Amino acid sequence: MNRPFFYQVRKFYNKSILLLIFLLSFIACVPFFFIVFFVFQKGLGVLNLSFFTQLPPTPDENYGGLANGMVGSLKIVGLACLLGVPWALFLGVFLSEKPQHKIAQSLRFVVDLSISVPSIVIGIFVYSFLVSLFGFSAYAGSFALLMILIPIVAKSTEEILKMIPHHIREAGLALGIPKWKVIFRIILPGTLTMLLSGVILALARIAGETAPLLFTALGNHFFSKSLGEPTATLPVQIYEFSKSGFPNLENMAWGGALVLISFVFLINFGIRFFLFLLRSRNLS
């Protein structure tokens, strides 16, 4: 007799909690929206064709761009992702599928510890054993970013794969499918969207890193001819120009910050849109 009453109470409680979660999420996003709006307001007026095609200006010039920093960042971040993402995914799979293995327990401790290490410490570490021997280079910068990327992707991969019910793995094994095929043909494709979200999170993290690149790639006022020499990067140029004290260079820094934020947004939404199209095609 009281079932409709309790049903209404539970329904009201459910909607209240959802509304509270929405409000708290919105409040958490408000500072981010203000930051993005401020960066757009400051940097949008600087963006033009020369900003993407020319070298940085001198303090007394009112034209120029950050083309060398954009190209350098693409090379360093791209190399770090190319070398680090496959290893990080394999590491995450190993930690998830062999949780009680002694090697997995040791690696999990190293991964958890590496995530909490400040990026400047990683930059000093790479400088001490790599840059001190071979000099500043894009390779050293990529290696430093790779050390930041691998723990993030590996940990997110492990946690994502833990959410997959065990009966899915058991169903594949019951059909006589080898365990490695169950993982790479069933588990990983089924979690592709979430895995890519972890990769995008790590990409956004390393794309804005400045401290490790100051100790490894250093910087360059021109285009680098090879990966084995000092290379300009967008975060380092933003840092240097923001504290220069010259209005034209400070405006360039705001424009670079806007480009960096836009790059992360485009990568994020671009991959998600591609996955949406791929999923729609498979369903049809």
C-alpha atoms as a PDB file:
ATOM      1  CA  MET A   1       0.000   0.000   0.000  1.00  0.00           C
ATOM      2  CA  ASN A   2       2.900   2.306   0.719  1.00  0.00           C
ATOM      3  CA  ARG A   3       4.894   1.291  -2.345  1.00  0.00           C
ATOM      4  CA  PRO A   4       3.877   4.359  -4.445  1.00  0.00           C
ATOM      5  CA  PHE A   5       4.900   6.680  -1.588  1.00  0.00           C
ATOM      6  CA  PHE A   6       8.326   5.071  -1.172  1.00  0.00           C
ATOM      7  CA  TYR A   7       8.751   5.051  -4.934  1.00  0.00           C
ATOM      8  CA  GLN A   8       8.122   8.814  -5.076  1.00  0.00           C
ATOM      9  CA  VAL A   9      10.550   9.387  -2.203  1.00  0.00           C
ATOM     10  CA  ARG A  10      13.280   7.381  -3.948  1.00  0.00           C
ATOM     11  CA  LYS A  11      12.573   9.178  -7.218  1.00  0.00           C
ATOM     12  CA  PHE A  12      12.823  12.589  -5.518  1.00  0.00           C
ATOM     13  CA  TYR A  13      16.027  11.522  -3.726  1.00  0.00           C
ATOM     14  CA  ASN A  14      17.553  10.317  -6.983  1.00  0.00           C
ATOM     15  CA  LYS A  15      16.758  13.554  -8.822  1.00  0.00           C
ATOM     16  CA  SER A  16      18.059  15.631  -5.917  1.00  0.00           C
ATOM     17  CA  ILE A  17      21.394  13.803  -5.891  1.00  0.00           C
ATOM     18  CA  LEU A  18      21.720  14.140  -9.683  1.00  0.00           C
ATOM     19  CA  LEU A  19      20.975  17.861  -9.440  1.00  0.00           C
ATOM     20  CA  LEU A  20      23.565  18.238  -6.661  1.00  0.00           C
ATOM     21  CA  ILE A  21      26.183  16.416  -8.749  1.00  0.00           C
ATOM     22  CA  PHE A  22      25.414  18.645 -11.730  1.00  0.00           C
ATOM     23  CA  LEU A  23      25.714  21.816  -9.642  1.00  0.00           C
ATOM     24  CA  LEU A  24      28.997  20.713  -8.059  1.00  0.00           C
ATOM     25  CA  SER A  25      30.382  19.806 -11.487  1.00  0.00           C
ATOM     26  CA  PHE A  26      29.363  23.198 -12.839  1.00  0.00           C
ATOM     27  CA  ILE A  27      30.969  24.981  -9.889  1.00  0.00           C
ATOM     28  CA  ALA A  28      34.178  23.009 -10.438  1.00  0.00           C
ATOM     29  CA  CYS A  29      34.204  24.051 -14.116  1.00  0.00           C
ATOM     30  CA  VAL A  30      33.585  27.770 -13.481  1.00  0.00           C
ATOM     31  CA  PRO A  31      37.282  28.642 -12.806  1.00  0.00           C
ATOM     32  CA  PHE A  32      38.273  26.749 -15.940  1.00  0.00           C
ATOM     33  CA  PHE A  33      35.735  28.680 -18.046  1.00  0.00           C
ATOM     34  CA  PHE A  34      37.037  31.982 -16.678  1.00  0.00           C
ATOM     35  CA  ILE A  35      40.639  31.004 -17.499  1.00  0.00           C
ATOM     36  CA  VAL A  36      39.726  29.970 -21.044  1.00  0.00           C
ATOM     37  CA  PHE A  37      37.724  33.161 -21.573  1.00  0.00           C
ATOM     38  CA  PHE A  38      40.611  35.296 -20.287  1.00  0.00           C
ATOM     39  CA  VAL A  39      43.137  33.539 -22.523  1.00  0.00           C
ATOM     40  CA  PHE A  40      40.857  33.948 -25.549  1.00  0.00           C
ATOM     41  CA  GLN A  41      40.378  37.630 -24.746  1.00  0.00           C
ATOM     42  CA  LYS A  42      44.119  38.244 -24.452  1.00  0.00           C
ATOM     43  CA  GLY A  43      45.400  36.001 -27.220  1.00  0.00           C
ATOM     44  CA  LEU A  44      42.813  36.125 -29.988  1.00  0.00           C
ATOM     45  CA  GLY A  45      43.942  39.518 -31.279  1.00  0.00           C
ATOM     46  CA  VAL A  46      47.507  38.264 -31.760  1.00  0.00           C
ATOM     47  CA  LEU A  47      46.649  35.335 -33.999  1.00  0.00           C
ATOM     48  CA  ASN A  48      47.208  35.888 -37.707  1.00  0.00           C
ATOM     49  CA  LEU A  49      48.981  34.142 -40.555  1.00  0.00           C
ATOM     50  CA  SER A  50      52.432  35.409 -39.573  1.00  0.00           C
ATOM     51  CA  PHE A  51      51.952  34.040 -36.046  1.00  0.00           C
ATOM     52  CA  PHE A  52      51.911  30.516 -37.491  1.00  0.00           C
ATOM     53  CA  THR A  53      54.578  30.988 -40.167  1.00  0.00           C
ATOM     54  CA  GLN A  54      57.285  33.334 -38.832  1.00  0.00           C
ATOM     55  CA  LEU A  55      59.995  33.230 -36.200  1.00  0.00           C
ATOM     56  CA  PRO A  56      59.706  35.089 -32.868  1.00  0.00           C
ATOM     57  CA  PRO A  57      60.155  38.867 -33.020  1.00  0.00           C
ATOM     58  CA  THR A  58      62.737  40.972 -31.248  1.00  0.00           C
ATOM     59  CA  PRO A  59      61.562  43.261 -28.414  1.00  0.00           C
ATOM     60  CA  ASP A  60      61.300  46.275 -30.783  1.00  0.00           C
ATOM     61  CA  GLU A  61      59.364  44.455 -33.544  1.00  0.00           C
ATOM     62  CA  ASN A  62      55.588  44.317 -33.812  1.00  0.00           C
ATOM     63  CA  TYR A  63      55.402  41.346 -36.155  1.00  0.00           C
ATOM     64  CA  GLY A  64      56.518  37.733 -36.008  1.00  0.00           C
ATOM     65  CA  GLY A  65      55.241  34.419 -34.726  1.00  0.00           C
ATOM     66  CA  LEU A  66      55.936  31.238 -32.827  1.00  0.00           C
ATOM     67  CA  ALA A  67      56.213  28.846 -35.748  1.00  0.00           C
ATOM     68  CA  ASN A  68      59.461  27.298 -34.520  1.00  0.00           C
ATOM     69  CA  GLY A  69      57.955  26.587 -31.101  1.00  0.00           C
ATOM     70  CA  MET A  70      54.862  24.952 -32.582  1.00  0.00           C
ATOM     71  CA  VAL A  71      56.924  22.741 -34.877  1.00  0.00           C
ATOM     72  CA  GLY A  72      59.312  21.850 -32.071  1.00  0.00           C
ATOM     73  CA  SER A  73      56.466  20.957 -29.710  1.00  0.00           C
ATOM     74  CA  LEU A  74      54.838  18.763 -32.351  1.00  0.00           C
ATOM     75  CA  LYS A  75      58.110  16.917 -32.907  1.00  0.00           C
ATOM     76  CA  ILE A  76      58.927  16.407 -29.228  1.00  0.00           C
ATOM     77  CA  VAL A  77      55.390  15.524 -28.078  1.00  0.00           C
ATOM     78  CA  GLY A  78      54.805  13.359 -31.153  1.00  0.00           C
ATOM     79  CA  LEU A  79      58.020  11.404 -30.591  1.00  0.00           C
ATOM     80  CA  ALA A  80      57.164  10.920 -26.908  1.00  0.00           C
ATOM     81  CA  CYS A  81      53.686   9.602 -27.787  1.00  0.00           C
ATOM     82  CA  LEU A  82      55.018   7.379 -30.569  1.00  0.00           C
ATOM     83  CA  LEU A  83      57.526   5.713 -28.261  1.00  0.00           C
ATOM     84  CA  GLY A  84      55.640   5.858 -24.973  1.00  0.00           C
ATOM     85  CA  VAL A  85      51.983   5.031 -25.669  1.00  0.00           C
ATOM     86  CA  PRO A  86      52.499   1.412 -26.902  1.00  0.00           C
ATOM     87  CA  TRP A  87      54.754   0.572 -23.956  1.00  0.00           C
ATOM     88  CA  ALA A  88      52.363   2.234 -21.516  1.00  0.00           C
ATOM     89  CA  LEU A  89      49.382   0.273 -22.875  1.00  0.00           C
ATOM     90  CA  PHE A  90      51.278  -3.023 -22.638  1.00  0.00           C
ATOM     91  CA  LEU A  91      52.350  -2.137 -19.099  1.00  0.00           C
ATOM     92  CA  GLY A  92      48.771  -1.328 -18.118  1.00  0.00           C
ATOM     93  CA  VAL A  93      47.536  -4.623 -19.568  1.00  0.00           C
ATOM     94  CA  PHE A  94      50.203  -6.539 -17.669  1.00  0.00           C
ATOM     95  CA  LEU A  95      49.359  -4.814 -14.376  1.00  0.00           C
ATOM     96  CA  SER A  96      45.653  -5.529 -14.891  1.00  0.00           C
ATOM     97  CA  GLU A  97      45.876  -9.136 -16.041  1.00  0.00           C
ATOM     98  CA  LYS A  98      48.678 -10.238 -13.679  1.00  0.00           C
ATOM     99  CA  PRO A  99      47.875  -8.300 -10.496  1.00  0.00           C
ATOM    100  CA  GLN A 100      49.484 -10.833  -8.106  1.00  0.00           C
ATOM    101  CA  HIS A 101      52.680 -11.309 -10.093  1.00  0.00           C
ATOM    102  CA  LYS A 102      55.789 -10.187  -8.190  1.00  0.00           C
ATOM    103  CA  ILE A 103      57.062  -8.163 -11.144  1.00  0.00           C
ATOM    104  CA  ALA A 104      53.625  -6.547 -11.551  1.00  0.00           C
ATOM    105  CA  GLN A 105      53.577  -5.552  -7.880  1.00  0.00           C
ATOM    106  CA  SER A 106      57.014  -3.941  -8.189  1.00  0.00           C
ATOM    107  CA  LEU A 107      56.055  -2.154 -11.416  1.00  0.00           C
ATOM    108  CA  ARG A 108      52.807  -0.921  -9.859  1.00  0.00           C
ATOM    109  CA  PHE A 109      54.794   0.643  -7.018  1.00  0.00           C
ATOM    110  CA  VAL A 110      57.123   2.334  -9.526  1.00  0.00           C
ATOM    111  CA  VAL A 111      54.181   3.611 -11.589  1.00  0.00           C
ATOM    112  CA  ASP A 112      52.390   5.029  -8.533  1.00  0.00           C
ATOM    113  CA  LEU A 113      55.598   6.672  -7.381  1.00  0.00           C
ATOM    114  CA  SER A 114      56.371   8.108 -10.841  1.00  0.00           C
ATOM    115  CA  ILE A 115      52.958   9.779 -11.124  1.00  0.00           C
ATOM    116  CA  SER A 116      53.605  11.768  -7.942  1.00  0.00           C
ATOM    117  CA  VAL A 117      57.124  12.894  -8.931  1.00  0.00           C
ATOM    118  CA  PRO A 118      57.229  16.631  -9.885  1.00  0.00           C
ATOM    119  CA  SER A 119      58.010  17.203 -13.549  1.00  0.00           C
ATOM    120  CA  ILE A 120      60.974  19.439 -12.725  1.00  0.00           C
ATOM    121  CA  VAL A 121      62.595  16.530 -10.879  1.00  0.00           C
ATOM    122  CA  ILE A 122      62.207  14.403 -14.005  1.00  0.00           C
ATOM    123  CA  GLY A 123      63.825  17.187 -16.038  1.00  0.00           C
ATOM    124  CA  ILE A 124      66.792  17.344 -13.651  1.00  0.00           C
ATOM    125  CA  PHE A 125      67.086  13.549 -13.722  1.00  0.00           C
ATOM    126  CA  VAL A 126      67.222  13.455 -17.529  1.00  0.00           C
ATOM    127  CA  TYR A 127      69.665  16.355 -17.539  1.00  0.00           C
ATOM    128  CA  SER A 128      72.009  14.588 -15.115  1.00  0.00           C
ATOM    129  CA  PHE A 129      72.510  11.415 -17.142  1.00  0.00           C
ATOM    130  CA  LEU A 130      71.521  12.319 -20.718  1.00  0.00           C
ATOM    131  CA  VAL A 131      71.939  16.038 -21.386  1.00  0.00           C
ATOM    132  CA  SER A 132      75.210  16.220 -19.452  1.00  0.00           C
ATOM    133  CA  LEU A 133      76.656  13.604 -21.821  1.00  0.00           C
ATOM    134  CA  PHE A 134      75.075  14.408 -25.181  1.00  0.00           C
ATOM    135  CA  GLY A 135      73.854  17.989 -24.835  1.00  0.00           C
ATOM    136  CA  PHE A 136      70.444  19.594 -25.179  1.00  0.00           C
ATOM    137  CA  SER A 137      68.250  18.028 -27.835  1.00  0.00           C
ATOM    138  CA  ALA A 138      64.715  17.144 -28.848  1.00  0.00           C
ATOM    139  CA  TYR A 139      65.536  13.515 -28.012  1.00  0.00           C
ATOM    140  CA  ALA A 140      66.208  14.467 -24.381  1.00  0.00           C
ATOM    141  CA  GLY A 141      62.988  16.496 -24.264  1.00  0.00           C
ATOM    142  CA  SER A 142      60.979  13.595 -25.660  1.00  0.00           C
ATOM    143  CA  PHE A 143      62.542  11.213 -23.168  1.00  0.00           C
ATOM    144  CA  ALA A 144      61.586  13.490 -20.267  1.00  0.00           C
ATOM    145  CA  LEU A 145      58.000  13.771 -21.513  1.00  0.00           C
ATOM    146  CA  LEU A 146      57.936  10.023 -22.098  1.00  0.00           C
ATOM    147  CA  MET A 147      58.757   9.449 -18.428  1.00  0.00           C
ATOM    148  CA  ILE A 148      55.717  11.571 -17.517  1.00  0.00           C
ATOM    149  CA  LEU A 149      53.407   9.982 -20.080  1.00  0.00           C
ATOM    150  CA  ILE A 150      54.032   6.274 -19.440  1.00  0.00           C
ATOM    151  CA  PRO A 151      52.886   6.159 -15.775  1.00  0.00           C
ATOM    152  CA  ILE A 152      49.705   8.143 -16.531  1.00  0.00           C
ATOM    153  CA  VAL A 153      48.660   5.955 -19.472  1.00  0.00           C
ATOM    154  CA  ALA A 154      49.675   2.732 -17.722  1.00  0.00           C
ATOM    155  CA  LYS A 155      47.695   3.568 -14.567  1.00  0.00           C
ATOM    156  CA  SER A 156      44.587   4.656 -16.485  1.00  0.00           C
ATOM    157  CA  THR A 157      44.782   1.512 -18.645  1.00  0.00           C
ATOM    158  CA  GLU A 158      45.047  -0.706 -15.562  1.00  0.00           C
ATOM    159  CA  GLU A 159      42.049   0.929 -13.872  1.00  0.00           C
ATOM    160  CA  ILE A 160      39.941   0.795 -17.046  1.00  0.00           C
ATOM    161  CA  LEU A 161      40.627  -2.894 -17.646  1.00  0.00           C
ATOM    162  CA  LYS A 162      39.796  -3.667 -14.018  1.00  0.00           C
ATOM    163  CA  MET A 163      36.245  -2.446 -14.672  1.00  0.00           C
ATOM    164  CA  ILE A 164      35.649  -5.118 -17.326  1.00  0.00           C
ATOM    165  CA  PRO A 165      33.653  -8.007 -15.756  1.00  0.00           C
ATOM    166  CA  HIS A 166      35.611 -11.241 -15.378  1.00  0.00           C
ATOM    167  CA  HIS A 167      32.844 -13.287 -17.005  1.00  0.00           C
ATOM    168  CA  ILE A 168      33.730 -11.699 -20.355  1.00  0.00           C
ATOM    169  CA  ARG A 169      37.254 -13.066 -20.078  1.00  0.00           C
ATOM    170  CA  GLU A 170      35.903 -16.415 -18.867  1.00  0.00           C
ATOM    171  CA  ALA A 171      33.498 -16.614 -21.804  1.00  0.00           C
ATOM    172  CA  GLY A 172      36.358 -16.158 -24.255  1.00  0.00           C
ATOM    173  CA  LEU A 173      38.516 -18.729 -22.499  1.00  0.00           C
ATOM    174  CA  ALA A 174      35.586 -21.187 -22.399  1.00  0.00           C
ATOM    175  CA  LEU A 175      35.402 -21.005 -26.188  1.00  0.00           C
ATOM    176  CA  GLY A 176      39.019 -22.115 -26.397  1.00  0.00           C
ATOM    177  CA  ILE A 177      40.415 -18.703 -27.319  1.00  0.00           C
ATOM    178  CA  PRO A 178      43.948 -18.088 -26.006  1.00  0.00           C
ATOM    179  CA  LYS A 179      44.144 -15.507 -23.247  1.00  0.00           C
ATOM    180  CA  TRP A 180      46.246 -13.090 -25.286  1.00  0.00           C
ATOM    181  CA  LYS A 181      43.611 -13.122 -28.035  1.00  0.00           C
ATOM    182  CA  VAL A 182      40.861 -12.503 -25.485  1.00  0.00           C
ATOM    183  CA  ILE A 183      42.758  -9.433 -24.318  1.00  0.00           C
ATOM    184  CA  PHE A 184      43.720  -8.023 -27.719  1.00  0.00           C
ATOM    185  CA  ARG A 185      40.639  -9.063 -29.706  1.00  0.00           C
ATOM    186  CA  ILE A 186      37.845  -8.600 -27.134  1.00  0.00           C
ATOM    187  CA  ILE A 187      38.888  -6.613 -24.052  1.00  0.00           C
ATOM    188  CA  LEU A 188      40.970  -3.846 -25.640  1.00  0.00           C
ATOM    189  CA  PRO A 189      38.623  -3.127 -28.588  1.00  0.00           C
ATOM    190  CA  GLY A 190      35.700  -2.955 -26.176  1.00  0.00           C
ATOM    191  CA  THR A 191      37.444  -0.323 -24.072  1.00  0.00           C
ATOM    192  CA  LEU A 192      38.999   1.660 -26.934  1.00  0.00           C
ATOM    193  CA  THR A 193      37.118   4.875 -26.168  1.00  0.00           C
ATOM    194  CA  MET A 194      38.127   4.869 -22.499  1.00  0.00           C
ATOM    195  CA  LEU A 195      41.727   3.944 -23.307  1.00  0.00           C
ATOM    196  CA  LEU A 196      41.993   6.826 -25.758  1.00  0.00           C
ATOM    197  CA  SER A 197      40.603   9.132 -23.087  1.00  0.00           C
ATOM    198  CA  GLY A 198      43.527   8.139 -20.869  1.00  0.00           C
ATOM    199  CA  VAL A 199      45.969   8.765 -23.714  1.00  0.00           C
ATOM    200  CA  ILE A 200      44.414  12.189 -24.388  1.00  0.00           C
ATOM    201  CA  LEU A 201      44.706  13.055 -20.692  1.00  0.00           C
ATOM    202  CA  ALA A 202      48.407  12.191 -20.756  1.00  0.00           C
ATOM    203  CA  LEU A 203      48.878  14.081 -24.041  1.00  0.00           C
ATOM    204  CA  ALA A 204      47.274  17.190 -22.552  1.00  0.00           C
ATOM    205  CA  ARG A 205      49.570  16.862 -19.541  1.00  0.00           C
ATOM    206  CA  ILE A 206      52.843  16.626 -21.461  1.00  0.00           C
ATOM    207  CA  ALA A 207      51.855  19.186 -24.123  1.00  0.00           C
ATOM    208  CA  GLY A 208      51.875  21.935 -21.499  1.00  0.00           C
ATOM    209  CA  GLU A 209      54.986  20.878 -19.579  1.00  0.00           C
ATOM    210  CA  THR A 210      57.671  23.560 -19.329  1.00  0.00           C
ATOM    211  CA  ALA A 211      60.106  22.640 -16.560  1.00  0.00           C
ATOM    212  CA  PRO A 212      61.384  19.340 -18.044  1.00  0.00           C
ATOM    213  CA  LEU A 213      61.966  21.001 -21.424  1.00  0.00           C
ATOM    214  CA  LEU A 214      63.982  23.810 -19.875  1.00  0.00           C
ATOM    215  CA  PHE A 215      66.472  21.184 -18.656  1.00  0.00           C
ATOM    216  CA  THR A 216      66.424  18.992 -21.778  1.00  0.00           C
ATOM    217  CA  ALA A 217      65.382  20.687 -25.038  1.00  0.00           C
ATOM    218  CA  LEU A 218      66.423  24.157 -23.771  1.00  0.00           C
ATOM    219  CA  GLY A 219      65.090  26.234 -26.689  1.00  0.00           C
ATOM    220  CA  ASN A 220      66.043  27.791 -29.988  1.00  0.00           C
ATOM    221  CA  HIS A 221      65.216  31.107 -31.663  1.00  0.00           C
ATOM    222  CA  PHE A 222      65.225  29.392 -35.056  1.00  0.00           C
ATOM    223  CA  PHE A 223      63.991  26.160 -36.612  1.00  0.00           C
ATOM    224  CA  SER A 224      66.010  23.141 -35.511  1.00  0.00           C
ATOM    225  CA  LYS A 225      67.592  21.203 -38.350  1.00  0.00           C
ATOM    226  CA  SER A 226      67.659  17.890 -36.475  1.00  0.00           C
ATOM    227  CA  LEU A 227      66.342  16.240 -33.327  1.00  0.00           C
ATOM    228  CA  GLY A 228      69.846  16.142 -31.898  1.00  0.00           C
ATOM    229  CA  GLU A 229      70.141  19.887 -31.214  1.00  0.00           C
ATOM    230  CA  PRO A 230      68.382  22.403 -28.910  1.00  0.00           C
ATOM    231  CA  THR A 231      64.775  22.747 -30.006  1.00  0.00           C
ATOM    232  CA  ALA A 232      62.204  25.464 -29.410  1.00  0.00           C
ATOM    233  CA  THR A 233      58.932  24.430 -27.774  1.00  0.00           C
ATOM    234  CA  LEU A 234      55.730  26.371 -27.309  1.00  0.00           C
ATOM    235  CA  PRO A 235      55.496  26.079 -23.478  1.00  0.00           C
ATOM    236  CA  VAL A 236      59.094  27.293 -23.032  1.00  0.00           C
ATOM    237  CA  GLN A 237      58.520  30.233 -25.377  1.00  0.00           C
ATOM    238  CA  ILE A 238      55.344  31.150 -23.488  1.00  0.00           C
ATOM    239  CA  TYR A 239      57.283  31.062 -20.223  1.00  0.00           C
ATOM    240  CA  GLU A 240      60.164  33.173 -21.549  1.00  0.00           C
ATOM    241  CA  PHE A 241      57.985  35.758 -23.294  1.00  0.00           C
ATOM    242  CA  SER A 242      55.585  36.132 -20.343  1.00  0.00           C
ATOM    243  CA  LYS A 243      58.416  37.317 -18.083  1.00  0.00           C
ATOM    244  CA  SER A 244      60.250  39.385 -20.715  1.00  0.00           C
ATOM    245  CA  GLY A 245      58.681  42.709 -19.724  1.00  0.00           C
ATOM    246  CA  PHE A 246      58.104  43.730 -23.370  1.00  0.00           C
ATOM    247  CA  PRO A 247      54.432  44.209 -24.375  1.00  0.00           C
ATOM    248  CA  ASN A 248      54.801  42.672 -27.841  1.00  0.00           C
ATOM    249  CA  LEU A 249      56.457  39.526 -26.457  1.00  0.00           C
ATOM    250  CA  GLU A 250      53.897  39.255 -23.675  1.00  0.00           C
ATOM    251  CA  ASN A 251      51.137  39.390 -26.320  1.00  0.00           C
ATOM    252  CA  MET A 252      52.930  36.590 -28.162  1.00  0.00           C
ATOM    253  CA  ALA A 253      52.850  34.566 -24.954  1.00  0.00           C
ATOM    254  CA  TRP A 254      49.071  35.014 -24.696  1.00  0.00           C
ATOM    255  CA  GLY A 255      48.703  33.920 -28.307  1.00  0.00           C
ATOM    256  CA  GLY A 256      50.845  30.856 -27.653  1.00  0.00           C
ATOM    257  CA  ALA A 257      48.723  29.949 -24.623  1.00  0.00           C
ATOM    258  CA  LEU A 258      45.601  30.185 -26.767  1.00  0.00           C
ATOM    259  CA  VAL A 259      47.141  27.939 -29.432  1.00  0.00           C
ATOM    260  CA  LEU A 260      48.150  25.400 -26.776  1.00  0.00           C
ATOM    261  CA  ILE A 261      44.656  25.273 -25.276  1.00  0.00           C
ATOM    262  CA  SER A 262      43.070  25.048 -28.730  1.00  0.00           C
ATOM    263  CA  PHE A 263      45.406  22.211 -29.679  1.00  0.00           C
ATOM    264  CA  VAL A 264      44.346  20.146 -26.661  1.00  0.00           C
ATOM    265  CA  PHE A 265      40.672  20.830 -27.377  1.00  0.00           C
ATOM    266  CA  LEU A 266      40.986  19.900 -31.062  1.00  0.00           C
ATOM    267  CA  ILE A 267      42.810  16.661 -30.278  1.00  0.00           C
ATOM    268  CA  ASN A 268      40.241  15.749 -27.643  1.00  0.00           C
ATOM    269  CA  PHE A 269      37.125  16.465 -29.666  1.00  0.00           C
ATOM    270  CA  GLY A 270      38.686  15.239 -32.913  1.00  0.00           C
ATOM    271  CA  ILE A 271      39.422  11.773 -31.543  1.00  0.00           C
ATOM    272  CA  ARG A 272      36.028  11.554 -29.845  1.00  0.00           C
ATOM    273  CA  PHE A 273      34.274  12.571 -33.059  1.00  0.00           C
ATOM    274  CA  PHE A 274      36.255   9.970 -35.001  1.00  0.00           C
ATOM    275  CA  LEU A 275      35.289   7.274 -32.499  1.00  0.00           C
ATOM    276  CA  PHE A 276      31.644   8.388 -32.712  1.00  0.00           C
ATOM    277  CA  LEU A 277      31.704   8.033 -36.495  1.00  0.00           C
ATOM    278  CA  LEU A 278      33.429   4.663 -36.226  1.00  0.00           C
ATOM    279  CA  ARG A 279      30.881   3.419 -33.693  1.00  0.00           C
ATOM    280  CA  SER A 280      27.963   4.670 -35.822  1.00  0.00           C
ATOM    281  CA  ARG A 281      29.379   2.897 -38.859  1.00  0.00           C
ATOM    282  CA  ASN A 282      29.751  -0.384 -36.958  1.00  0.00           C
ATOM    283  CA  LEU A 283      26.194  -0.156 -35.627  1.00  0.00           C
ATOM    284  CA  SER A 284      24.826   0.468 -39.106  1.00  0.00           C
END
